[in-house]
Protein backbone atom coordinates (compact mmCIF):
# COMPACT_ATOMS: atom_id res chain seq x y z
CA UNK A 1 0.00 0.00 0.00
CA UNK A 2 1.18 3.52 -0.71
CA UNK A 3 -0.10 6.61 1.08
CA UNK A 4 1.19 9.77 -0.57
CA UNK A 5 0.88 13.53 -0.36
CA UNK A 6 1.93 15.84 -3.18
CA UNK A 7 2.04 19.55 -3.84
CA UNK A 8 0.15 21.08 -6.74
CA UNK A 9 1.87 22.05 -9.99
CA UNK A 10 3.46 25.38 -10.89
CA UNK A 11 1.01 28.23 -10.47
CA UNK A 12 0.57 31.90 -11.21
CA UNK A 13 0.93 34.49 -8.46
CA UNK A 14 -1.74 35.10 -5.88
CA UNK A 15 -2.95 38.68 -5.67
CA UNK A 16 -1.82 38.83 -2.06
CA UNK A 17 1.78 38.14 -3.15
CA UNK A 18 2.10 40.90 -5.72
CA UNK A 19 3.40 43.45 -3.23
CA UNK A 20 6.49 41.30 -2.68
CA UNK A 21 7.60 41.73 -6.28
CA UNK A 22 9.74 44.68 -7.38
CA UNK A 23 7.52 44.85 -10.48
CA UNK A 24 4.01 43.97 -9.24
CA UNK A 25 2.23 45.45 -12.26
CA UNK A 26 4.12 43.21 -14.69
CA UNK A 27 3.65 40.16 -12.49
CA UNK A 28 -0.09 40.85 -12.36
CA UNK A 29 -0.23 41.28 -16.13
CA UNK A 30 1.54 37.99 -16.78
CA UNK A 31 -0.53 36.11 -14.18
CA UNK A 32 -3.94 37.29 -15.39
CA UNK A 33 -4.18 35.01 -18.48
CA UNK A 34 -4.10 31.98 -16.17
CA UNK A 35 -6.12 33.51 -13.36
CA UNK A 36 -4.46 34.33 -10.05
CA UNK A 37 -3.24 31.27 -8.18
CA UNK A 38 -4.01 28.86 -11.05
CA UNK A 39 -1.90 26.24 -12.80
CA UNK A 40 0.31 27.57 -15.57
CA UNK A 41 1.42 25.73 -18.70
CA UNK A 42 4.52 24.48 -16.90
CA UNK A 43 2.34 23.49 -13.95
CA UNK A 44 0.15 21.31 -16.13
CA UNK A 45 3.19 19.69 -17.74
CA UNK A 46 4.71 18.97 -14.32
CA UNK A 47 1.41 17.59 -13.03
CA UNK A 48 1.34 15.20 -15.98
CA UNK A 49 4.91 14.16 -15.17
CA UNK A 50 3.76 13.51 -11.59
CA UNK A 51 1.25 11.02 -12.94
CA UNK A 52 3.97 9.32 -14.95
CA UNK A 53 6.07 9.09 -11.79
CA UNK A 54 3.16 7.38 -10.00
CA UNK A 55 2.75 4.94 -12.86
CA UNK A 56 6.47 4.15 -12.96
CA UNK A 57 6.83 3.59 -9.23
CA UNK A 58 3.47 1.98 -8.44
CA UNK A 59 2.67 0.18 -11.66
CA UNK A 60 2.13 -3.10 -9.77
CA UNK A 61 -0.70 -1.48 -7.78
CA UNK A 62 -2.50 0.11 -10.73
CA UNK A 63 -4.33 -1.44 -13.66
CA UNK A 64 -3.69 -0.11 -17.18
CA UNK A 65 -7.06 1.67 -17.05
CA UNK A 66 -8.50 3.72 -14.20
CA UNK A 67 -10.41 1.64 -11.64
CA UNK A 68 -11.82 3.67 -8.70
CA UNK A 69 -11.53 0.75 -6.27
CA UNK A 70 -7.74 0.71 -6.73
CA UNK A 71 -6.95 4.34 -6.01
CA UNK A 72 -8.50 6.92 -3.68
CA UNK A 73 -7.74 10.55 -4.48
CA UNK A 74 -8.55 13.47 -2.21
CA UNK A 75 -7.90 17.14 -2.97
CA UNK A 76 -8.21 20.36 -1.08
CA UNK A 77 -10.89 22.72 -2.37
CA UNK A 78 -8.37 24.81 -4.32
CA UNK A 79 -8.76 24.82 -8.11
CA UNK A 80 -5.03 24.20 -8.60
CA UNK A 81 -4.91 21.11 -6.41
CA UNK A 82 -7.97 19.60 -8.07
CA UNK A 83 -6.61 20.27 -11.56
CA UNK A 84 -3.21 18.88 -10.58
CA UNK A 85 -4.88 15.66 -9.42
CA UNK A 86 -6.91 15.31 -12.61
CA UNK A 87 -3.93 15.90 -14.90
CA UNK A 88 -1.69 13.64 -12.80
CA UNK A 89 -4.17 10.77 -13.00
CA UNK A 90 -4.38 11.35 -16.75
CA UNK A 91 -0.59 11.04 -16.89
CA UNK A 92 -0.76 7.81 -14.90
CA UNK A 93 -3.23 6.21 -17.31
CA UNK A 94 -2.12 7.65 -20.64
CA UNK A 95 0.41 6.28 -23.11
CA UNK A 96 1.28 9.78 -24.36
CA UNK A 97 4.77 10.93 -23.39
CA UNK A 98 4.05 14.66 -23.06
CA UNK A 99 1.12 16.69 -21.79
CA UNK A 100 -1.03 18.48 -24.36
CA UNK A 101 -3.92 20.91 -23.91
CA UNK A 102 -5.82 18.80 -26.44
CA UNK A 103 -5.60 15.74 -24.23
CA UNK A 104 -8.82 14.40 -22.77
CA UNK A 105 -8.65 14.13 -18.98
CA UNK A 106 -9.36 10.79 -17.34
CA UNK A 107 -12.75 11.11 -15.55
CA UNK A 108 -11.42 10.37 -12.06
CA UNK A 109 -13.37 10.51 -8.82
CA UNK A 110 -12.07 13.23 -6.49
CA UNK A 111 -12.97 13.52 -2.83
CA UNK A 112 -13.05 17.26 -2.04
CA UNK A 113 -13.82 18.55 1.45
CA UNK A 114 -14.99 22.18 1.87
CA UNK A 115 -12.15 24.37 3.10
CA UNK A 116 -14.03 25.46 6.20
CA UNK A 117 -13.97 21.93 7.63
CA UNK A 118 -11.01 20.35 5.83
CA UNK A 119 -8.54 18.96 8.42
CA UNK A 120 -5.81 19.30 5.79
CA UNK A 121 -6.37 23.08 5.75
CA UNK A 122 -6.35 23.57 9.50
CA UNK A 123 -3.72 26.29 9.27
CA UNK A 124 -6.52 28.37 7.72
CA UNK A 125 -9.63 27.12 9.55
CA UNK A 126 -8.18 26.43 13.00
CA UNK A 127 -8.01 29.68 15.05
CA UNK A 128 -5.55 28.15 17.51
CA UNK A 129 -3.13 27.36 14.70
CA UNK A 130 -3.61 30.70 12.97
CA UNK A 131 -2.97 32.46 16.26
CA UNK A 132 0.29 30.56 16.59
CA UNK A 133 1.49 31.87 13.22
CA UNK A 134 0.43 35.41 14.03
CA UNK A 135 1.94 35.19 17.50
CA UNK A 136 5.16 33.81 16.11
CA UNK A 137 5.47 36.79 13.81
CA UNK A 138 4.75 39.27 16.56
CA UNK A 139 7.27 37.56 18.84
CA UNK A 140 10.04 37.35 16.26
CA UNK A 141 9.65 40.41 14.06
CA UNK A 142 12.00 42.51 16.21
CA UNK A 143 14.60 39.83 16.90
CA UNK A 144 18.02 40.14 15.37
CA UNK A 145 18.00 38.15 12.12
CA UNK A 146 21.09 39.41 10.32
CA UNK A 147 20.62 37.14 7.30
CA UNK A 148 17.16 38.57 6.70
CA UNK A 149 17.88 42.13 7.78
CA UNK A 150 20.25 42.55 4.86
CA UNK A 151 17.58 41.39 2.42
CA UNK A 152 14.87 43.51 3.99
CA UNK A 153 17.13 46.56 4.00
CA UNK A 154 17.69 46.18 0.26
CA UNK A 155 13.95 45.79 -0.33
CA UNK A 156 13.25 48.99 1.58
CA UNK A 157 15.94 50.87 -0.31
CA UNK A 158 15.05 49.57 -3.78
CA UNK A 159 11.24 49.28 -3.75
CA UNK A 160 10.14 50.98 -0.55
CA UNK A 161 8.98 47.85 1.30
CA UNK A 162 9.31 48.41 5.04
CA UNK A 163 8.76 44.87 6.34
CA UNK A 164 9.11 43.41 9.86
CA UNK A 165 12.28 41.44 10.48
CA UNK A 166 10.59 38.07 10.27
CA UNK A 167 11.83 34.96 8.43
CA UNK A 168 8.22 34.04 7.61
CA UNK A 169 8.32 36.79 5.02
CA UNK A 170 11.13 34.96 3.28
CA UNK A 171 8.75 32.01 2.90
CA UNK A 172 6.18 34.24 1.21
CA UNK A 173 8.79 35.93 -0.93
CA UNK A 174 10.28 32.63 -2.11
CA UNK A 175 6.78 31.58 -3.11
CA UNK A 176 6.38 34.82 -5.02
CA UNK A 177 9.65 34.22 -6.86
CA UNK A 178 8.57 30.69 -7.80
CA UNK A 179 5.22 31.84 -9.17
CA UNK A 180 6.97 34.57 -11.15
CA UNK A 181 9.19 31.98 -12.80
CA UNK A 182 6.13 29.86 -13.52
CA UNK A 183 4.48 32.57 -15.63
CA UNK A 184 7.71 33.14 -17.57
CA UNK A 185 8.63 36.52 -16.10
CA UNK A 186 12.44 36.95 -15.99
CA UNK A 187 14.06 37.68 -12.66
CA UNK A 188 15.32 41.21 -12.19
CA UNK A 189 18.88 41.90 -11.14
CA UNK A 190 17.62 42.62 -7.63
CA UNK A 191 15.79 39.31 -7.42
CA UNK A 192 18.85 37.42 -8.64
CA UNK A 193 20.87 39.15 -5.95
CA UNK A 194 18.42 38.30 -3.17
CA UNK A 195 17.53 34.80 -4.38
CA UNK A 196 19.97 32.69 -2.31
CA UNK A 197 19.17 34.52 0.94
CA UNK A 198 15.44 34.33 0.29
CA UNK A 199 15.58 30.59 -0.37
CA UNK A 200 17.63 29.97 2.77
CA UNK A 201 15.20 32.04 4.81
CA UNK A 202 12.28 30.09 3.38
CA UNK A 203 13.87 26.77 4.40
CA UNK A 204 14.02 27.94 8.00
CA UNK A 205 10.61 29.58 7.96
CA UNK A 206 8.75 26.50 6.71
CA UNK A 207 10.19 24.53 9.61
CA UNK A 208 9.19 27.21 12.12
CA UNK A 209 5.66 27.22 10.74
CA UNK A 210 4.99 23.55 10.04
CA UNK A 211 7.62 21.61 11.99
CA UNK A 212 6.82 22.65 15.55
CA UNK A 213 6.02 19.39 17.43
CA UNK A 214 3.39 21.12 19.57
CA UNK A 215 1.29 22.06 16.53
CA UNK A 216 1.96 19.15 14.18
CA UNK A 217 -1.13 17.23 15.41
CA UNK A 218 -3.35 20.16 14.44
CA UNK A 219 -1.78 20.45 11.01
CA UNK A 220 -1.58 16.83 9.88
CA UNK A 221 -2.56 14.54 12.75
CA UNK A 222 -5.83 13.58 11.08
CA UNK A 223 -3.98 12.61 7.90
CA UNK A 224 -1.55 10.47 9.91
CA UNK A 225 -4.50 8.84 11.64
CA UNK A 226 -5.96 8.07 8.22
CA UNK A 227 -2.69 6.38 7.24
CA UNK A 228 -2.89 4.08 10.26
CA UNK A 229 -6.57 3.32 9.67
CA UNK A 230 -5.79 2.34 6.08
CA UNK A 231 -2.66 0.40 6.99
CA UNK A 232 -4.55 -1.54 9.66
CA UNK A 233 -7.14 -2.50 7.06
CA UNK A 234 -4.39 -3.74 4.76
CA UNK A 235 -2.78 -5.75 7.56
CA UNK A 236 -6.15 -7.33 8.44
CA UNK A 237 -6.73 -8.31 4.81
CA UNK A 238 -9.61 -5.90 4.16
CA UNK A 239 -10.47 -4.85 0.62
CA UNK A 240 -9.46 -1.19 0.38
CA UNK A 241 -7.64 0.93 -2.25
CA UNK A 242 -3.91 0.19 -2.23
CA UNK A 243 -3.06 3.68 -3.49
CA UNK A 244 -4.24 6.73 -1.53
CA UNK A 245 -3.40 10.26 -2.65
CA UNK A 246 -3.80 13.74 -1.21
CA UNK A 247 -3.39 16.54 -3.73
CA UNK A 248 -2.46 19.49 -1.58
CA UNK A 249 -0.01 22.28 -0.89
CA UNK A 250 3.59 22.66 0.24
CA UNK A 251 2.51 22.84 3.89
CA UNK A 252 0.66 19.51 3.56
CA UNK A 253 3.80 17.82 2.26
CA UNK A 254 6.13 19.41 4.81
CA UNK A 255 3.93 18.85 7.86
CA UNK A 256 3.37 15.20 6.91
CA UNK A 257 7.13 14.75 6.57
CA UNK A 258 7.48 16.25 10.04
CA UNK A 259 4.71 14.11 11.56
CA UNK A 260 6.29 10.92 10.25
CA UNK A 261 9.72 11.97 11.61
CA UNK A 262 11.29 11.74 8.16
CA UNK A 263 14.92 12.87 7.93
CA UNK A 264 16.85 14.65 6.62
CA UNK A 265 14.55 17.66 6.49
CA UNK A 266 13.74 18.69 2.95
CA UNK A 267 13.02 22.42 3.09
CA UNK A 268 10.17 23.98 1.11
CA UNK A 269 8.65 21.32 -1.17
CA UNK A 270 8.87 22.28 -4.85
CA UNK A 271 5.90 22.20 -7.21
CA UNK A 272 4.60 18.61 -7.51
CA UNK A 273 6.93 17.39 -4.76
CA UNK A 274 5.61 14.02 -3.56
CA UNK A 275 6.10 12.20 -0.28
CA UNK A 276 5.06 8.56 -0.01
CA UNK A 277 4.72 6.23 2.94
CA UNK A 278 4.94 2.72 1.55
CA UNK A 279 3.58 -0.12 3.65
CA UNK A 280 5.37 -3.31 2.64
CA UNK A 281 5.24 -6.91 3.81
CA UNK A 282 8.52 -8.79 4.15
CA UNK A 283 8.44 -12.04 2.21
CA UNK A 284 10.44 -14.09 4.70
CA UNK A 285 9.04 -12.92 8.03
CA UNK A 286 5.61 -11.66 6.99
CA UNK A 287 6.36 -8.51 9.01
CA UNK A 288 4.96 -5.19 7.85
CA UNK A 289 7.33 -2.26 7.49
CA UNK A 290 7.07 1.41 6.52
CA UNK A 291 9.40 2.94 3.92
CA UNK A 292 9.49 6.76 3.41
CA UNK A 293 10.14 7.92 -0.18
CA UNK A 294 10.46 11.53 -1.34
CA UNK A 295 10.78 13.20 -4.72
CA UNK A 296 11.19 16.98 -4.70
CA UNK A 297 10.21 16.92 -8.38
CA UNK A 298 8.66 14.06 -10.34
CA UNK A 299 11.34 14.45 -13.01
CA UNK A 300 14.33 14.34 -10.64
CA UNK A 301 13.88 10.84 -9.26
CA UNK A 302 13.06 9.67 -5.76
CA UNK A 303 15.15 9.37 -2.60
CA UNK A 304 14.71 6.98 0.31
CA UNK A 305 14.51 8.91 3.56
CA UNK A 306 14.82 7.60 7.10
CA UNK A 307 12.37 7.55 9.98
CA UNK A 308 14.20 9.15 12.88
CA UNK A 309 15.29 6.50 15.41
CA UNK A 310 14.10 3.73 13.10
CA UNK A 311 15.84 3.93 9.72
CA UNK A 312 14.78 3.61 6.09
CA UNK A 313 12.89 0.37 6.73
CA UNK A 314 10.85 0.85 9.89
CA UNK A 315 8.84 -1.93 11.50
CA UNK A 316 5.16 -0.91 11.35
CA UNK A 317 4.26 -1.08 15.03
CA UNK A 318 7.47 0.70 16.00
CA UNK A 319 6.61 3.43 13.50
CA UNK A 320 3.19 3.73 15.13
CA UNK A 321 4.79 4.16 18.57
CA UNK A 322 7.29 6.75 17.32
CA UNK A 323 4.60 8.93 15.73
CA UNK A 324 1.70 8.33 18.13
CA UNK A 325 2.11 11.75 19.75
CA UNK A 326 1.00 13.38 16.48
CA UNK A 327 -2.09 11.26 15.76
CA UNK A 328 -5.46 12.96 16.23
CA UNK A 329 -9.04 12.21 15.14
CA UNK A 330 -11.28 14.67 13.31
CA UNK A 331 -13.51 15.02 16.38
CA UNK A 332 -10.48 15.81 18.54
CA UNK A 333 -9.29 18.35 15.97
CA UNK A 334 -12.66 20.11 15.92
CA UNK A 335 -12.70 20.25 19.69
CA UNK A 336 -9.20 21.72 19.88
CA UNK A 337 -9.66 24.12 16.99
CA UNK A 338 -13.28 25.25 17.14
CA UNK A 339 -13.08 25.29 13.34
CA UNK A 340 -13.94 28.54 11.61
CA UNK A 341 -17.09 28.47 9.46
CA UNK A 342 -15.83 30.92 6.85
CA UNK A 343 -12.33 30.71 5.42
CA UNK A 344 -10.61 31.19 2.09
CA UNK A 345 -7.20 30.53 0.60
CA UNK A 346 -6.28 34.13 1.45
CA UNK A 347 -7.15 33.85 5.16
CA UNK A 348 -3.49 34.15 6.19
CA UNK A 349 -2.84 37.30 4.18
CA UNK A 350 -2.18 39.11 7.45
CA UNK A 351 0.85 36.90 8.04
CA UNK A 352 2.64 38.50 5.14
CA UNK A 353 1.51 42.12 5.31
C-alpha cells in the first residue's frame, strides 16, 4: 500500500503576493491570463509528469485503465490542487509521453472537502493554529535576524517595502519568486541578488511554521491517523484501495514529513513534490514495514529517507509508537480548533503584510 501527499503544480501568483515583487504590475499582467493562483502551462506539464512518476513507481498497484476501487484521491478545495490531481491521473493512465492541452482528462473521482472543515487546511480554519502563526510573527519580528535584515534593507531601499524582520516573510517571498518563474517573467537583477538569501530564509521559515512538534497534530494529525486506519485494514486483509493520494499544498507535504519523523529535512517542497509512505510486507518474516520515499520533483527521481530512530525500513508497530504523539481524530481536531465556518485561501494574508 502507498499513502502519498503531493504539492500542486506550478502556479501563477496570488494577488496577495504581488506586493512582494519589485515589479508587481508586470507580475499581475503575466498572471492574469491563467487567473491568479491557477496552474500555468509548466504546472500542467509537471502535473502530468507527476502522474507518470506514479505509474512508474506503483505500476504493480494500478491497472492499465482507471479503476476507482484501486486508487482513492482526495484534494483540497483549491482549483489548482484539483486540476493537478486530474492531470496527474491522466498522466498515470495515458500512453502519451508529453502533456497536451488537447488531451482528454481521465474522468477520475475526487474527494473534495470544503475548506471550512477540511482537516488538511487547518492552518486556515483552526483559530488556535492561525494564532500561533500570528503570535510567532509578533514575537520574532523585532529579533536580530542578520541574514534577513540585509535582504529587507535592500527591499526597503530599492522598492520601498518596510517589512518586519521576520523569516516568515522569506517564505512568502520565495513563493512569489517561484510563481513569477512559472508565468515566464524573468528575474530582475535585484531578485537574482536576493535569491539565495530568500531561499535559505524560506527553508528555516517553513520549519518554524509547520515543523513545531506542539502544533503538528493540528496540522496533519488527522492525515496520519488516516494512514494508520488504512494500513490496519491492509494488515487485516480488508479490501481497500492500495493507493491513496492527497493533492495538496507545500505545507501539507512538509507537515506530513514532520509528523512521520522523516529525515533529513527537505526544506520547502517544490511544485509537484511528492512524499510517499509505503507499507510493505517482508516475504520471509511476513512482518509489515514502513518505507518513506520523497521526490522533490517528479522528473528528478526519488530518494529513500529515514524515519528518525528507526531507519529507512521501519517496523510498522514501532513506527506507530514513534509517531503516536501526532495522531489525532477529526472530532479531537474540531474540539481543539473550534473550526472557523468561513475561510478562504487568502485567510493568512495578514501573516505577510
